[in-house]
Amino acid sequence: MADNVCDLVLDGNVAACLLQHIFVPDITLAKIRCEACDCTNGVGSLALYAAPMGAVLKCADCESVLMRAVDTPHGLWLEMRGARYLKFRPRRPPSAAYCSTENFESMGAAG
């Protein structure tokens, strides 16, 4: 256990391993909760408003905007201001390795 909170603060790149596991699963099976109406739906059930500049996904219950996604020459952008959370079901049992500060420290030292 760290003696000082500063010992727990690491570079954001250290979270890459965890984030890769979050964003790899099938997004259509993920659950998303609407900030406006507090309903939870599968991402695959959201209404999509597509245009050449990107996509807008709206809540299946109240039609509030949950996500905006665009592909620009400057990068891929995802804005989720209308969502409380996006939840994925792991394909495997959850691992405590992601929560281990030793694991994060070793990942930070490697980069």
Protein backbone atom coordinates (compact mmCIF):
# COMPACT_ATOMS: atom_id res chain seq x y z
CA MET A 1 0.00 0.00 0.00
CA ALA A 2 1.27 3.47 -0.84
CA ASP A 3 2.23 5.69 2.08
CA ASN A 4 1.49 8.86 0.16
CA VAL A 5 -1.28 9.71 -2.31
CA CYS A 6 1.37 11.13 -4.66
CA ASP A 7 2.74 7.59 -4.99
CA LEU A 8 -0.58 6.58 -6.61
CA VAL A 9 -0.59 9.33 -9.26
CA LEU A 10 0.83 7.98 -12.50
CA ASP A 11 0.93 9.03 -16.13
CA GLY A 12 -2.37 8.46 -17.98
CA ASN A 13 -0.61 6.12 -20.42
CA VAL A 14 -0.45 3.57 -17.62
CA ALA A 15 -4.23 3.09 -17.96
CA ALA A 16 -3.83 1.98 -21.60
CA CYS A 17 -3.99 -1.73 -20.72
CA LEU A 18 -7.29 -1.33 -18.87
CA LEU A 19 -8.77 0.97 -21.52
CA GLN A 20 -7.86 -1.47 -24.30
CA HIS A 21 -9.90 -4.13 -22.51
CA ILE A 22 -12.84 -1.75 -22.08
CA PHE A 23 -13.04 -0.68 -25.72
CA VAL A 24 -12.41 -4.06 -27.38
CA PRO A 25 -15.77 -5.81 -26.66
CA ASP A 26 -18.74 -5.57 -29.02
CA ILE A 27 -20.09 -2.06 -28.40
CA THR A 28 -23.62 -3.04 -29.47
CA LEU A 29 -23.87 -5.29 -26.40
CA ALA A 30 -22.78 -2.54 -23.99
CA LYS A 31 -25.37 -0.91 -21.73
CA ILE A 32 -25.68 2.86 -21.60
CA ARG A 33 -27.60 4.90 -19.03
CA CYS A 34 -29.27 8.14 -20.07
CA GLU A 35 -28.49 11.20 -17.96
CA ALA A 36 -31.88 12.78 -18.77
CA CYS A 37 -34.34 9.96 -18.04
CA ASP A 38 -32.13 7.50 -16.11
CA CYS A 39 -33.12 4.58 -18.40
CA THR A 40 -30.59 1.92 -19.36
CA ASN A 41 -30.57 0.44 -22.86
CA GLY A 42 -28.24 -1.52 -25.08
CA VAL A 43 -26.19 0.65 -27.42
CA GLY A 44 -27.58 -1.42 -30.30
CA SER A 45 -31.11 -0.25 -29.48
CA LEU A 46 -30.31 3.48 -29.65
CA ALA A 47 -31.67 5.60 -32.48
CA LEU A 48 -28.89 6.58 -34.87
CA TYR A 49 -28.93 9.86 -36.78
CA ALA A 50 -26.12 9.49 -39.32
CA ALA A 51 -24.63 12.21 -41.48
CA PRO A 52 -21.44 12.56 -43.50
CA MET A 53 -19.73 14.33 -40.59
CA GLY A 54 -20.53 11.65 -38.03
CA ALA A 55 -23.21 10.01 -35.93
CA VAL A 56 -25.57 11.05 -33.16
CA LEU A 57 -27.06 8.33 -30.94
CA LYS A 58 -30.23 9.14 -29.01
CA CYS A 59 -31.93 7.48 -26.05
CA ALA A 60 -34.52 4.90 -27.06
CA ASP A 61 -36.87 6.17 -24.33
CA CYS A 62 -36.64 9.97 -24.23
CA GLU A 63 -34.68 10.78 -27.42
CA SER A 64 -32.01 12.78 -25.57
CA VAL A 65 -28.59 12.78 -27.24
CA LEU A 66 -26.35 10.22 -25.53
CA MET A 67 -23.33 10.03 -27.83
CA ARG A 68 -21.79 11.90 -30.72
CA ALA A 69 -19.07 10.29 -32.81
CA VAL A 70 -17.13 11.92 -35.65
CA ASP A 71 -14.16 10.95 -37.78
CA THR A 72 -12.12 14.01 -38.76
CA PRO A 73 -8.70 14.50 -40.32
CA HIS A 74 -7.56 15.39 -36.79
CA GLY A 75 -8.77 12.15 -35.19
CA LEU A 76 -11.74 10.16 -33.96
CA TRP A 77 -13.94 12.00 -31.46
CA LEU A 78 -16.45 10.52 -29.04
CA GLU A 79 -18.53 12.79 -26.82
CA MET A 80 -20.84 11.21 -24.24
CA ARG A 81 -22.16 14.16 -22.27
CA GLY A 82 -25.72 12.76 -22.26
CA ALA A 83 -24.73 9.39 -20.76
CA ARG A 84 -24.13 8.56 -17.12
CA TYR A 85 -22.06 5.51 -18.02
CA LEU A 86 -21.28 2.92 -20.65
CA LYS A 87 -21.02 -0.61 -19.23
CA PHE A 88 -19.43 -3.62 -20.92
CA ARG A 89 -19.86 -7.24 -19.81
CA PRO A 90 -16.46 -8.90 -19.61
CA ARG A 91 -15.97 -12.09 -21.60
CA ARG A 92 -13.82 -13.41 -18.78
CA PRO A 93 -13.91 -13.11 -15.00
CA PRO A 94 -12.80 -9.66 -13.77
CA SER A 95 -9.13 -9.41 -12.97
CA ALA A 96 -7.74 -7.74 -9.87
CA ALA A 97 -4.54 -7.11 -11.83
CA TYR A 98 -5.91 -3.81 -13.14
CA CYS A 99 -6.35 -2.50 -9.61
CA SER A 100 -2.90 -3.48 -8.47
CA THR A 101 -0.64 -0.46 -7.95
CA GLU A 102 2.34 -2.76 -8.45
CA ASN A 103 1.01 -3.58 -11.92
CA PHE A 104 0.51 0.12 -12.73
CA GLU A 105 3.95 1.01 -11.39
CA SER A 106 5.61 -1.67 -13.52
CA MET A 107 3.66 -0.50 -16.60
CA GLY A 108 4.71 3.09 -15.92
CA ALA A 109 8.35 2.08 -15.50
CA ALA A 110 8.27 0.21 -18.81
CA GLY A 111 7.10 3.32 -20.72
